[in-house]
Each structure stands twice: as C-alpha cells, then as structure tokens.
Amino acid sequence: MYLENLSRLFPSNSYLNRFFAEKQIPFAVFEKTDEAGNLHVIENGVVIELIAQTTGTERAQIENIIRKIDFHNGDLNHFFAHLAGAIARNQNAMQIGH
C-alpha cells in the first residue's frame, strides 16, 4: 500500500509538491519510545504532514536531505523513522511542560 495525494500538502510548483506527486511512498508505521518509556506509534503520513508545517531553514534542511536520499535511491522511510523519533521526543517534552 502506498501513500496518496501527498503533493497537495505542499505549495504548487515547489520541490516537495513535485517530489510527492511523482514518488510512490510505501505506507509505514514507526514505533518510537521516548525517554519516559512511552510508546508512540506514528504513521509516515503523519510525519509528512508535519514536514508540510515546517518553514524556512527547517523546511530547506528537510528538503535537502530528501533530495540526497532520492539522488542515491535511498529509502525515505528510514529518514521518516528518524523524524518520527524526534516527534516522539518532542511530544513527550510538550506533555512534561504542561
């Protein structure tokens, strides 16, 4: 199963819009445990939705990494799994702060 309609999350004529329009990204689910031992189950579609919310330097850095992975025919889900770990850590930090 592949994720569909991801390009709609990004501005038209942007690199990420074209990238996600052209690529078939296999669906994946990542299980990440944060520092407190909480398990976070995060779908790669959620990771991509959160990428779409980034701006400026953060977006440019993510875009650059995606370009490099694509150029080397790498597995984007490895990168998305890495980002899912950061999302899990951030989610835990937000819960602690409230």
Protein backbone atom coordinates (compact mmCIF):
# COMPACT_ATOMS: atom_id res chain seq x y z
CA MET A 1 0.00 0.00 0.00
CA TYR A 2 1.28 3.46 -0.94
CA LEU A 3 0.52 6.90 0.44
CA GLU A 4 -1.51 9.03 -1.97
CA ASN A 5 -2.22 12.73 -2.56
CA LEU A 6 0.76 13.92 -0.52
CA SER A 7 1.65 16.62 -3.01
CA ARG A 8 -1.48 18.57 -2.00
CA LEU A 9 0.19 19.30 1.35
CA PHE A 10 2.87 21.44 -0.29
CA PRO A 11 2.71 24.65 -2.33
CA SER A 12 2.21 24.02 -6.04
CA ASN A 13 5.40 24.23 -8.11
CA SER A 14 7.52 23.57 -5.01
CA TYR A 15 10.11 20.80 -4.99
CA LEU A 16 8.24 18.80 -2.35
CA ASN A 17 4.95 19.15 -4.25
CA ARG A 18 6.57 17.73 -7.40
CA PHE A 19 8.51 15.12 -5.43
CA PHE A 20 5.47 13.67 -3.68
CA ALA A 21 3.42 13.85 -6.88
CA GLU A 22 5.99 11.68 -8.69
CA LYS A 23 7.05 9.22 -5.98
CA GLN A 24 5.22 6.28 -4.54
CA ILE A 25 5.97 6.20 -0.84
CA PRO A 26 5.16 2.86 0.81
CA PHE A 27 2.96 3.16 3.88
CA ALA A 28 4.88 2.55 7.11
CA VAL A 29 4.26 2.76 10.84
CA PHE A 30 7.05 3.59 13.26
CA GLU A 31 7.07 2.64 16.92
CA LYS A 32 9.22 5.02 18.93
CA THR A 33 9.80 5.02 22.66
CA ASP A 34 10.56 8.34 24.30
CA GLU A 35 12.85 8.99 27.27
CA ALA A 36 9.98 8.38 29.70
CA GLY A 37 9.31 4.94 28.22
CA ASN A 38 6.10 5.97 26.46
CA LEU A 39 5.44 4.22 23.16
CA HIS A 40 4.46 6.45 20.24
CA VAL A 41 3.00 4.85 17.11
CA ILE A 42 3.46 7.27 14.23
CA GLU A 43 2.48 6.70 10.59
CA ASN A 44 4.77 8.05 7.90
CA GLY A 45 1.85 10.09 6.54
CA VAL A 46 1.75 11.97 9.83
CA VAL A 47 5.48 12.66 9.55
CA ILE A 48 4.94 14.06 6.05
CA GLU A 49 2.02 16.20 7.27
CA LEU A 50 4.32 17.64 9.94
CA ILE A 51 7.03 18.27 7.33
CA ALA A 52 4.41 20.31 5.44
CA GLN A 53 4.03 22.53 8.52
CA THR A 54 7.72 23.44 8.59
CA THR A 55 9.06 26.68 7.15
CA GLY A 56 12.29 28.49 6.39
CA THR A 57 15.57 26.85 7.33
CA GLU A 58 13.92 23.79 8.83
CA ARG A 59 12.00 23.10 5.59
CA ALA A 60 15.13 23.74 3.49
CA GLN A 61 17.16 21.27 5.57
CA ILE A 62 14.50 18.57 5.30
CA GLU A 63 14.15 19.19 1.57
CA ASN A 64 17.93 18.90 1.11
CA ILE A 65 18.03 15.57 2.92
CA ILE A 66 15.12 14.26 0.83
CA ARG A 67 16.95 15.35 -2.35
CA LYS A 68 20.10 13.49 -1.27
CA ILE A 69 18.21 10.33 -0.32
CA ASP A 70 16.33 10.42 -3.63
CA PHE A 71 19.52 11.02 -5.64
CA HIS A 72 21.09 7.91 -4.06
CA ASN A 73 17.86 5.90 -4.45
CA GLY A 74 17.70 5.55 -0.68
CA ASP A 75 14.75 4.55 1.46
CA LEU A 76 12.87 7.66 2.54
CA ASN A 77 11.12 5.73 5.27
CA HIS A 78 14.45 5.45 7.11
CA PHE A 79 14.56 9.25 7.25
CA PHE A 80 10.88 9.44 8.20
CA ALA A 81 11.54 6.93 11.01
CA HIS A 82 14.32 9.22 12.26
CA LEU A 83 11.94 12.19 12.20
CA ALA A 84 9.28 10.09 13.98
CA GLY A 85 11.75 9.62 16.83
CA ALA A 86 12.16 13.39 17.10
CA ILE A 87 8.38 13.81 17.02
CA ALA A 88 8.01 11.31 19.86
CA ARG A 89 10.67 13.08 21.94
CA ASN A 90 9.06 16.46 21.24
CA GLN A 91 5.60 15.14 22.13
CA ASN A 92 6.94 13.88 25.46
CA ALA A 93 8.63 17.21 26.17
CA MET A 94 5.36 19.04 25.44
CA GLN A 95 3.50 16.78 27.86
CA ILE A 96 6.07 17.36 30.59
CA GLY A 97 5.92 21.12 30.08
CA HIS A 98 2.14 21.27 30.62
